[in-house]
Amino acid sequence: MQQPWPSTAWAPPATTSYDAPRPQVRRRRPPALLWSCVLTWFCTGFAALILVVSVVALAQDAQPVLDEAYRQNPQLSEQGFSQHELLAVLYAVIGMVLAGSVAAAAFAVVLFRGHLWAWYGLLTAAGASTVFFLISALGSPVGLLPAAASAVTIAGLLRPEVRAWLLSR
């Protein structure tokens, strides 16, 4: 035995192209995704502010709101809706819309970080809010503005570059 054992020279194990790690190419976030998220954060923040102010105003003095509801729909008293029941329904609707706003903002945060499942969540939330505000626009055209914002968000999220960016992550 002419060679010392073990060998003193160390060599890395042989690798193939299949073993080599793939270089991570960081693609830039598409502007349509950025604007969809920013629009969602702005609108949900504004909606949350209005809803919290509405709850505070209702808690302090609900009578003007109740009087207006009974004036616009006189059948409420004939149908047996008490003021307490009407307020409970109003608080429940405000709570659901507030929860939807918070959920949409959270989906936008997670989507901004590049998670595909949040794309589905934000699309669903934006679609639901579009329908909700279009229905509310039947009573007042003010609902058209948030419906349009939701539709713009959906249009931005459905852009091909947004989908390609999410699938590449």
N, C-alpha and C. Protein backbone atom coordinates (compact mmCIF):
# COMPACT_ATOMS: atom_id res chain seq x y z
N MET A 1 0.85 -1.16 0.00
CA MET A 1 0.00 0.00 0.00
C MET A 1 0.89 1.22 0.00
N GLN A 2 0.87 1.83 -1.12
CA GLN A 2 1.69 3.01 -1.31
C GLN A 2 0.96 4.30 -0.93
N GLN A 3 -0.40 4.30 -0.95
CA GLN A 3 -1.15 5.53 -0.67
C GLN A 3 -1.62 5.54 0.78
N PRO A 4 -1.54 6.72 1.41
CA PRO A 4 -2.04 6.79 2.79
C PRO A 4 -3.57 6.69 2.80
N TRP A 5 -4.03 6.06 3.85
CA TRP A 5 -5.48 5.92 3.97
C TRP A 5 -5.92 6.57 5.24
N PRO A 6 -6.94 7.35 5.34
CA PRO A 6 -7.78 7.90 4.27
C PRO A 6 -7.07 8.99 3.52
N SER A 7 -7.60 9.30 2.37
CA SER A 7 -7.00 10.29 1.50
C SER A 7 -7.05 11.66 2.20
N THR A 8 -5.99 12.42 2.10
CA THR A 8 -5.93 13.73 2.75
C THR A 8 -6.56 14.81 1.90
N ALA A 9 -6.73 14.57 0.61
CA ALA A 9 -7.34 15.58 -0.26
C ALA A 9 -8.86 15.37 -0.28
N TRP A 10 -9.56 16.43 0.02
CA TRP A 10 -11.03 16.33 0.00
C TRP A 10 -11.56 16.90 -1.30
N ALA A 11 -12.53 16.25 -1.89
CA ALA A 11 -13.17 16.73 -3.10
C ALA A 11 -14.68 16.69 -2.88
N PRO A 12 -15.39 17.72 -3.35
CA PRO A 12 -16.86 17.68 -3.19
C PRO A 12 -17.45 16.56 -4.03
N PRO A 13 -18.58 16.06 -3.61
CA PRO A 13 -19.19 14.99 -4.39
C PRO A 13 -19.63 15.50 -5.76
N ALA A 14 -19.64 14.63 -6.70
CA ALA A 14 -20.04 15.00 -8.06
C ALA A 14 -21.53 15.37 -8.07
N THR A 15 -21.86 16.41 -8.80
CA THR A 15 -23.25 16.82 -8.93
C THR A 15 -23.64 16.82 -10.39
N THR A 16 -24.93 16.72 -10.61
CA THR A 16 -25.45 16.84 -11.96
C THR A 16 -26.27 18.11 -12.04
N SER A 17 -26.73 18.42 -13.20
CA SER A 17 -27.55 19.63 -13.35
C SER A 17 -28.88 19.47 -12.62
N TYR A 18 -29.29 18.23 -12.34
CA TYR A 18 -30.52 18.01 -11.60
C TYR A 18 -30.35 18.31 -10.12
N ASP A 19 -29.11 18.15 -9.63
CA ASP A 19 -28.85 18.39 -8.22
C ASP A 19 -28.60 19.86 -7.91
N ALA A 20 -28.20 20.60 -8.91
CA ALA A 20 -27.82 22.00 -8.68
C ALA A 20 -29.05 22.82 -8.32
N PRO A 21 -28.94 23.69 -7.35
CA PRO A 21 -30.08 24.55 -6.99
C PRO A 21 -30.37 25.52 -8.12
N ARG A 22 -31.66 25.75 -8.32
CA ARG A 22 -32.06 26.71 -9.35
C ARG A 22 -31.87 28.11 -8.82
N PRO A 23 -31.36 28.99 -9.64
CA PRO A 23 -31.23 30.39 -9.19
C PRO A 23 -32.61 31.00 -9.04
N GLN A 24 -32.80 31.72 -7.96
CA GLN A 24 -34.07 32.39 -7.71
C GLN A 24 -34.08 33.74 -8.42
N VAL A 25 -34.93 33.85 -9.39
CA VAL A 25 -35.08 35.11 -10.11
C VAL A 25 -36.24 35.86 -9.46
N ARG A 26 -35.97 36.98 -8.88
CA ARG A 26 -37.01 37.78 -8.23
C ARG A 26 -37.64 38.68 -9.28
N ARG A 27 -38.83 38.33 -9.67
CA ARG A 27 -39.54 39.16 -10.62
C ARG A 27 -40.24 40.27 -9.86
N ARG A 28 -40.30 41.41 -10.50
CA ARG A 28 -40.94 42.55 -9.86
C ARG A 28 -42.44 42.35 -9.78
N ARG A 29 -43.01 42.89 -8.73
CA ARG A 29 -44.46 42.83 -8.51
C ARG A 29 -45.14 43.67 -9.60
N PRO A 30 -46.14 43.13 -10.27
CA PRO A 30 -46.80 43.89 -11.34
C PRO A 30 -47.51 45.12 -10.79
N PRO A 31 -47.47 46.22 -11.54
CA PRO A 31 -48.16 47.44 -11.08
C PRO A 31 -49.67 47.23 -10.88
N ALA A 32 -50.29 46.37 -11.68
CA ALA A 32 -51.73 46.13 -11.52
C ALA A 32 -52.02 45.51 -10.15
N LEU A 33 -51.14 44.64 -9.68
CA LEU A 33 -51.31 44.04 -8.36
C LEU A 33 -51.13 45.09 -7.27
N LEU A 34 -50.10 45.91 -7.42
CA LEU A 34 -49.85 46.97 -6.45
C LEU A 34 -51.05 47.90 -6.35
N TRP A 35 -51.59 48.35 -7.49
CA TRP A 35 -52.70 49.28 -7.46
C TRP A 35 -53.99 48.64 -6.96
N SER A 36 -54.17 47.37 -7.25
CA SER A 36 -55.35 46.67 -6.72
C SER A 36 -55.29 46.59 -5.20
N CYS A 37 -54.10 46.30 -4.67
CA CYS A 37 -53.94 46.23 -3.21
C CYS A 37 -54.09 47.60 -2.57
N VAL A 38 -53.48 48.63 -3.17
CA VAL A 38 -53.58 49.99 -2.61
C VAL A 38 -55.03 50.46 -2.63
N LEU A 39 -55.73 50.20 -3.72
CA LEU A 39 -57.14 50.59 -3.81
C LEU A 39 -57.97 49.86 -2.76
N THR A 40 -57.67 48.58 -2.56
CA THR A 40 -58.38 47.81 -1.53
C THR A 40 -58.12 48.38 -0.15
N TRP A 41 -56.86 48.67 0.16
CA TRP A 41 -56.53 49.21 1.49
C TRP A 41 -57.18 50.56 1.71
N PHE A 42 -57.16 51.41 0.70
CA PHE A 42 -57.76 52.74 0.85
C PHE A 42 -59.28 52.63 1.06
N CYS A 43 -59.94 51.85 0.22
CA CYS A 43 -61.40 51.75 0.31
C CYS A 43 -61.86 51.03 1.58
N THR A 44 -61.16 49.97 1.96
CA THR A 44 -61.56 49.26 3.18
C THR A 44 -61.28 50.10 4.42
N GLY A 45 -60.20 50.85 4.39
CA GLY A 45 -59.91 51.75 5.51
C GLY A 45 -60.96 52.84 5.65
N PHE A 46 -61.33 53.41 4.52
CA PHE A 46 -62.36 54.45 4.52
C PHE A 46 -63.70 53.87 4.97
N ALA A 47 -64.04 52.69 4.46
CA ALA A 47 -65.31 52.05 4.85
C ALA A 47 -65.31 51.73 6.34
N ALA A 48 -64.20 51.22 6.85
CA ALA A 48 -64.12 50.89 8.28
C ALA A 48 -64.29 52.14 9.13
N LEU A 49 -63.68 53.24 8.70
CA LEU A 49 -63.82 54.50 9.43
C LEU A 49 -65.29 54.95 9.45
N ILE A 50 -65.94 54.91 8.30
CA ILE A 50 -67.36 55.31 8.23
C ILE A 50 -68.22 54.39 9.09
N LEU A 51 -67.95 53.10 9.06
CA LEU A 51 -68.75 52.16 9.84
C LEU A 51 -68.57 52.35 11.34
N VAL A 52 -67.34 52.60 11.76
CA VAL A 52 -67.10 52.83 13.19
C VAL A 52 -67.77 54.12 13.64
N VAL A 53 -67.69 55.16 12.82
CA VAL A 53 -68.38 56.42 13.14
C VAL A 53 -69.89 56.19 13.19
N SER A 54 -70.41 55.36 12.29
CA SER A 54 -71.85 55.06 12.29
C SER A 54 -72.27 54.34 13.56
N VAL A 55 -71.47 53.40 14.00
CA VAL A 55 -71.79 52.67 15.23
C VAL A 55 -71.77 53.61 16.42
N VAL A 56 -70.78 54.51 16.48
CA VAL A 56 -70.71 55.47 17.58
C VAL A 56 -71.92 56.40 17.55
N ALA A 57 -72.27 56.87 16.35
CA ALA A 57 -73.44 57.76 16.24
C ALA A 57 -74.73 57.04 16.62
N LEU A 58 -74.88 55.79 16.21
CA LEU A 58 -76.06 55.02 16.59
C LEU A 58 -76.11 54.76 18.09
N ALA A 59 -74.97 54.51 18.67
CA ALA A 59 -74.93 54.24 20.11
C ALA A 59 -75.29 55.48 20.91
N GLN A 60 -74.94 56.66 20.41
CA GLN A 60 -75.25 57.89 21.14
C GLN A 60 -76.71 58.29 20.98
N ASP A 61 -77.23 58.26 19.73
CA ASP A 61 -78.62 58.65 19.51
C ASP A 61 -79.12 57.98 18.23
N ALA A 62 -79.85 56.90 18.39
CA ALA A 62 -80.34 56.14 17.25
C ALA A 62 -81.70 56.63 16.77
N GLN A 63 -82.35 57.47 17.52
CA GLN A 63 -83.72 57.87 17.17
C GLN A 63 -83.85 58.53 15.81
N PRO A 64 -82.96 59.46 15.41
CA PRO A 64 -83.12 60.04 14.06
C PRO A 64 -83.02 58.99 12.95
N VAL A 65 -82.15 58.01 13.13
CA VAL A 65 -82.01 56.96 12.11
C VAL A 65 -83.27 56.10 12.07
N LEU A 66 -83.78 55.75 13.23
CA LEU A 66 -85.00 54.95 13.30
C LEU A 66 -86.19 55.70 12.72
N ASP A 67 -86.32 56.99 13.04
CA ASP A 67 -87.41 57.79 12.50
C ASP A 67 -87.36 57.84 10.98
N GLU A 68 -86.14 57.99 10.44
CA GLU A 68 -85.98 58.03 8.98
C GLU A 68 -86.32 56.68 8.35
N ALA A 69 -85.94 55.60 9.01
CA ALA A 69 -86.26 54.26 8.49
C ALA A 69 -87.76 54.04 8.45
N TYR A 70 -88.46 54.45 9.52
CA TYR A 70 -89.91 54.29 9.55
C TYR A 70 -90.60 55.25 8.57
N ARG A 71 -90.01 56.42 8.34
CA ARG A 71 -90.58 57.37 7.38
C ARG A 71 -90.44 56.83 5.97
N GLN A 72 -89.27 56.24 5.63
CA GLN A 72 -89.05 55.72 4.29
C GLN A 72 -89.83 54.43 4.03
N ASN A 73 -90.04 53.64 5.08
CA ASN A 73 -90.75 52.38 4.92
C ASN A 73 -91.78 52.23 6.03
N PRO A 74 -92.98 52.80 5.83
CA PRO A 74 -94.00 52.75 6.88
C PRO A 74 -94.48 51.33 7.21
N GLN A 75 -94.24 50.38 6.32
CA GLN A 75 -94.68 49.01 6.57
C GLN A 75 -93.87 48.33 7.67
N LEU A 76 -92.76 48.90 8.07
CA LEU A 76 -91.94 48.29 9.12
C LEU A 76 -92.74 48.10 10.41
N SER A 77 -93.48 49.12 10.80
CA SER A 77 -94.27 48.99 12.04
C SER A 77 -95.44 48.04 11.84
N GLU A 78 -96.01 48.02 10.63
CA GLU A 78 -97.11 47.10 10.35
C GLU A 78 -96.64 45.65 10.32
N GLN A 79 -95.38 45.43 9.93
CA GLN A 79 -94.83 44.08 9.87
C GLN A 79 -94.36 43.60 11.22
N GLY A 80 -94.42 44.44 12.21
CA GLY A 80 -94.09 44.03 13.56
C GLY A 80 -92.64 44.24 13.96
N PHE A 81 -91.90 45.04 13.20
CA PHE A 81 -90.51 45.33 13.57
C PHE A 81 -90.48 46.38 14.66
N SER A 82 -89.94 46.01 15.80
CA SER A 82 -89.78 47.00 16.87
C SER A 82 -88.50 47.79 16.61
N GLN A 83 -88.35 48.87 17.33
CA GLN A 83 -87.14 49.68 17.17
C GLN A 83 -85.91 48.89 17.60
N HIS A 84 -86.07 48.08 18.63
CA HIS A 84 -84.94 47.26 19.10
C HIS A 84 -84.52 46.26 18.02
N GLU A 85 -85.48 45.61 17.37
CA GLU A 85 -85.16 44.65 16.32
C GLU A 85 -84.51 45.33 15.12
N LEU A 86 -85.01 46.49 14.77
CA LEU A 86 -84.43 47.24 13.66
C LEU A 86 -82.98 47.64 13.95
N LEU A 87 -82.73 48.08 15.17
CA LEU A 87 -81.35 48.42 15.56
C LEU A 87 -80.45 47.18 15.55
N ALA A 88 -80.98 46.05 16.01
CA ALA A 88 -80.18 44.82 16.01
C ALA A 88 -79.79 44.42 14.59
N VAL A 89 -80.73 44.53 13.66
CA VAL A 89 -80.43 44.22 12.26
C VAL A 89 -79.41 45.20 11.70
N LEU A 90 -79.57 46.46 12.04
CA LEU A 90 -78.64 47.48 11.57
C LEU A 90 -77.22 47.23 12.09
N TYR A 91 -77.10 46.93 13.37
CA TYR A 91 -75.79 46.61 13.94
C TYR A 91 -75.21 45.33 13.31
N ALA A 92 -76.04 44.34 13.02
CA ALA A 92 -75.56 43.10 12.41
C ALA A 92 -75.03 43.36 10.99
N VAL A 93 -75.74 44.19 10.22
CA VAL A 93 -75.29 44.51 8.87
C VAL A 93 -73.98 45.30 8.93
N ILE A 94 -73.90 46.25 9.82
CA ILE A 94 -72.66 47.03 9.97
C ILE A 94 -71.52 46.09 10.36
N GLY A 95 -71.77 45.17 11.27
CA GLY A 95 -70.74 44.22 11.68
C GLY A 95 -70.28 43.33 10.54
N MET A 96 -71.21 42.86 9.73
CA MET A 96 -70.83 42.00 8.60
C MET A 96 -70.01 42.78 7.56
N VAL A 97 -70.43 43.99 7.27
CA VAL A 97 -69.69 44.79 6.29
C VAL A 97 -68.30 45.15 6.85
N LEU A 98 -68.21 45.45 8.13
CA LEU A 98 -66.92 45.73 8.75
C LEU A 98 -66.01 44.50 8.71
N ALA A 99 -66.57 43.33 9.00
CA ALA A 99 -65.77 42.10 8.94
C ALA A 99 -65.32 41.82 7.51
N GLY A 100 -66.17 42.09 6.54
CA GLY A 100 -65.78 41.93 5.13
C GLY A 100 -64.68 42.88 4.73
N SER A 101 -64.73 44.11 5.24
CA SER A 101 -63.68 45.09 4.95
C SER A 101 -62.34 44.66 5.53
N VAL A 102 -62.37 44.19 6.76
CA VAL A 102 -61.14 43.74 7.41
C VAL A 102 -60.58 42.52 6.68
N ALA A 103 -61.45 41.60 6.27
CA ALA A 103 -61.01 40.40 5.55
C ALA A 103 -60.39 40.78 4.21
N ALA A 104 -61.01 41.70 3.48
CA ALA A 104 -60.46 42.13 2.19
C ALA A 104 -59.10 42.79 2.36
N ALA A 105 -58.95 43.61 3.38
CA ALA A 105 -57.65 44.25 3.63
C ALA A 105 -56.60 43.20 3.98
N ALA A 106 -56.98 42.20 4.76
CA ALA A 106 -56.03 41.14 5.12
C ALA A 106 -55.66 40.31 3.89
N PHE A 107 -56.63 39.99 3.04
CA PHE A 107 -56.33 39.27 1.81
C PHE A 107 -55.35 40.08 0.95
N ALA A 108 -55.54 41.39 0.88
CA ALA A 108 -54.64 42.23 0.09
C ALA A 108 -53.22 42.22 0.64
N VAL A 109 -53.08 42.20 1.96
CA VAL A 109 -51.74 42.14 2.56
C VAL A 109 -51.05 40.83 2.19
N VAL A 110 -51.77 39.72 2.33
CA VAL A 110 -51.18 38.41 2.04
C VAL A 110 -50.92 38.27 0.54
N LEU A 111 -51.80 38.79 -0.28
CA LEU A 111 -51.60 38.76 -1.73
C LEU A 111 -50.38 39.59 -2.13
N PHE A 112 -50.22 40.72 -1.51
CA PHE A 112 -49.07 41.59 -1.79
C PHE A 112 -47.76 40.85 -1.52
N ARG A 113 -47.79 39.94 -0.56
CA ARG A 113 -46.60 39.15 -0.23
C ARG A 113 -46.41 37.97 -1.18
N GLY A 114 -47.41 37.73 -2.06
CA GLY A 114 -47.23 36.76 -3.12
C GLY A 114 -47.88 35.40 -2.93
N HIS A 115 -48.92 35.30 -2.11
CA HIS A 115 -49.58 34.02 -1.88
C HIS A 115 -50.80 33.90 -2.79
N LEU A 116 -50.81 32.84 -3.58
CA LEU A 116 -51.87 32.64 -4.57
C LEU A 116 -53.25 32.50 -3.94
N TRP A 117 -53.35 31.83 -2.80
CA TRP A 117 -54.67 31.62 -2.19
C TRP A 117 -55.32 32.94 -1.81
N ALA A 118 -54.53 33.97 -1.49
CA ALA A 118 -55.10 35.27 -1.15
C ALA A 118 -55.67 35.97 -2.39
N TRP A 119 -55.16 35.60 -3.55
CA TRP A 119 -55.71 36.14 -4.80
C TRP A 119 -57.17 35.71 -4.94
N TYR A 120 -57.43 34.42 -4.66
CA TYR A 120 -58.80 33.92 -4.72
C TYR A 120 -59.67 34.62 -3.66
N GLY A 121 -59.12 34.79 -2.47
CA GLY A 121 -59.87 35.45 -1.40
C GLY A 121 -60.22 36.88 -1.74
N LEU A 122 -59.25 37.63 -2.26
CA LEU A 122 -59.52 39.04 -2.60
C LEU A 122 -60.47 39.15 -3.79
N LEU A 123 -60.34 38.25 -4.76
CA LEU A 123 -61.30 38.26 -5.87
C LEU A 123 -62.72 38.00 -5.37
N THR A 124 -62.86 37.05 -4.45
CA THR A 124 -64.17 36.75 -3.90
C THR A 124 -64.72 37.93 -3.11
N ALA A 125 -63.88 38.53 -2.28
CA ALA A 125 -64.32 39.68 -1.49
C ALA A 125 -64.70 40.86 -2.38
N ALA A 126 -63.89 41.12 -3.40
CA ALA A 126 -64.19 42.24 -4.31
C ALA A 126 -65.47 41.96 -5.10
N GLY A 127 -65.66 40.72 -5.51
CA GLY A 127 -66.89 40.37 -6.23
C GLY A 127 -68.12 40.53 -5.35
N ALA A 128 -68.02 40.07 -4.11
CA ALA A 128 -69.15 40.21 -3.18
C ALA A 128 -69.45 41.67 -2.88
N SER A 129 -68.41 42.47 -2.71
CA SER A 129 -68.65 43.89 -2.42
C SER A 129 -69.22 44.61 -3.64
N THR A 130 -68.81 44.20 -4.84
CA THR A 130 -69.40 44.80 -6.05
C THR A 130 -70.90 44.53 -6.10
N VAL A 131 -71.28 43.29 -5.86
CA VAL A 131 -72.71 42.94 -5.86
C VAL A 131 -73.44 43.70 -4.76
N PHE A 132 -72.87 43.72 -3.55
CA PHE A 132 -73.50 44.41 -2.42
C PHE A 132 -73.72 45.88 -2.73
N PHE A 133 -72.70 46.56 -3.27
CA PHE A 133 -72.84 47.99 -3.52
C PHE A 133 -73.71 48.29 -4.74
N LEU A 134 -73.76 47.38 -5.71
CA LEU A 134 -74.69 47.58 -6.82
C LEU A 134 -76.13 47.47 -6.34
N ILE A 135 -76.38 46.53 -5.44
CA ILE A 135 -77.73 46.42 -4.86
C ILE A 135 -78.05 47.65 -4.03
N SER A 136 -77.06 48.12 -3.25
CA SER A 136 -77.31 49.31 -2.43
C SER A 136 -77.49 50.56 -3.30
N ALA A 137 -76.93 50.54 -4.51
CA ALA A 137 -77.08 51.69 -5.41
C ALA A 137 -78.50 51.82 -5.93
N LEU A 138 -79.31 50.77 -5.78
CA LEU A 138 -80.71 50.89 -6.18
C LEU A 138 -81.44 51.91 -5.31
N GLY A 139 -81.02 52.02 -4.04
CA GLY A 139 -81.62 52.99 -3.13
C GLY A 139 -80.95 54.34 -3.18
N SER A 140 -79.67 54.35 -3.50
CA SER A 140 -78.92 55.60 -3.54
C SER A 140 -77.74 55.43 -4.50
N PRO A 141 -77.56 56.38 -5.41
CA PRO A 141 -76.46 56.24 -6.38
C PRO A 141 -75.07 56.35 -5.75
N VAL A 142 -74.99 56.67 -4.48
CA VAL A 142 -73.69 56.76 -3.80
C VAL A 142 -72.99 55.40 -3.82
N GLY A 143 -73.76 54.31 -3.84
CA GLY A 143 -73.19 52.97 -3.85
C GLY A 143 -72.44 52.63 -5.13
N LEU A 144 -72.61 53.44 -6.17
CA LEU A 144 -71.91 53.18 -7.41
C LEU A 144 -70.40 53.42 -7.30
N LEU A 145 -69.99 54.35 -6.45
CA LEU A 145 -68.57 54.65 -6.31
C LEU A 145 -67.79 53.47 -5.72
N PRO A 146 -68.20 52.89 -4.58
CA PRO A 146 -67.46 51.72 -4.09
C PRO A 146 -67.63 50.50 -5.01
N ALA A 147 -68.76 50.39 -5.71
CA ALA A 147 -68.92 49.29 -6.66
C ALA A 147 -67.91 49.42 -7.78
N ALA A 148 -67.69 50.65 -8.25
CA ALA A 148 -66.70 50.88 -9.30
C ALA A 148 -65.28 50.57 -8.80
N ALA A 149 -64.99 50.95 -7.55
CA ALA A 149 -63.67 50.65 -6.99
C ALA A 149 -63.45 49.15 -6.90
N SER A 150 -64.47 48.41 -6.50
CA SER A 150 -64.35 46.95 -6.44
C SER A 150 -64.17 46.36 -7.83
N ALA A 151 -64.87 46.89 -8.81
CA ALA A 151 -64.74 46.40 -10.18
C ALA A 151 -63.33 46.67 -10.73
N VAL A 152 -62.77 47.83 -10.41
CA VAL A 152 -61.41 48.15 -10.84
C VAL A 152 -60.41 47.20 -10.18
N THR A 153 -60.64 46.88 -8.91
CA THR A 153 -59.78 45.92 -8.22
C THR A 153 -59.83 44.57 -8.91
N ILE A 154 -61.03 44.11 -9.25
CA ILE A 154 -61.17 42.83 -9.94
C ILE A 154 -60.44 42.86 -11.28
N ALA A 155 -60.61 43.94 -12.03
CA ALA A 155 -59.95 44.07 -13.33
C ALA A 155 -58.44 44.02 -13.19
N GLY A 156 -57.91 44.67 -12.16
CA GLY A 156 -56.46 44.63 -11.94
C GLY A 156 -55.96 43.25 -11.56
N LEU A 157 -56.74 42.56 -10.73
CA LEU A 157 -56.32 41.22 -10.29
C LEU A 157 -56.39 40.19 -11.42
N LEU A 158 -57.25 40.42 -12.40
CA LEU A 158 -57.40 39.46 -13.50
C LEU A 158 -56.42 39.69 -14.64
N ARG A 159 -55.54 40.66 -14.50
CA ARG A 159 -54.54 40.92 -15.54
C ARG A 159 -53.61 39.71 -15.66
N PRO A 160 -53.20 39.36 -16.87
CA PRO A 160 -52.35 38.17 -17.05
C PRO A 160 -51.01 38.26 -16.33
N GLU A 161 -50.44 39.46 -16.25
CA GLU A 161 -49.13 39.57 -15.59
C GLU A 161 -49.23 39.33 -14.09
N VAL A 162 -50.39 39.64 -13.50
CA VAL A 162 -50.59 39.38 -12.07
C VAL A 162 -50.62 37.88 -11.83
N ARG A 163 -51.40 37.19 -12.63
CA ARG A 163 -51.50 35.73 -12.50
C ARG A 163 -50.14 35.07 -12.75
N ALA A 164 -49.41 35.52 -13.77
CA ALA A 164 -48.09 34.95 -14.07
C ALA A 164 -47.13 35.19 -12.91
N TRP A 165 -47.17 36.36 -12.33
CA TRP A 165 -46.28 36.66 -11.19
C TRP A 165 -46.58 35.74 -10.01
N LEU A 166 -47.86 35.56 -9.74
CA LEU A 166 -48.24 34.70 -8.61
C LEU A 166 -47.86 33.25 -8.85
N LEU A 167 -48.03 32.78 -10.07
CA LEU A 167 -47.68 31.38 -10.38
C LEU A 167 -46.18 31.15 -10.40
N SER A 168 -45.39 32.19 -10.61
CA SER A 168 -43.94 32.04 -10.63
C SER A 168 -43.32 32.05 -9.24
N ARG A 169 -44.11 32.31 -8.22
CA ARG A 169 -43.57 32.41 -6.87
C ARG A 169 -43.56 31.09 -6.18
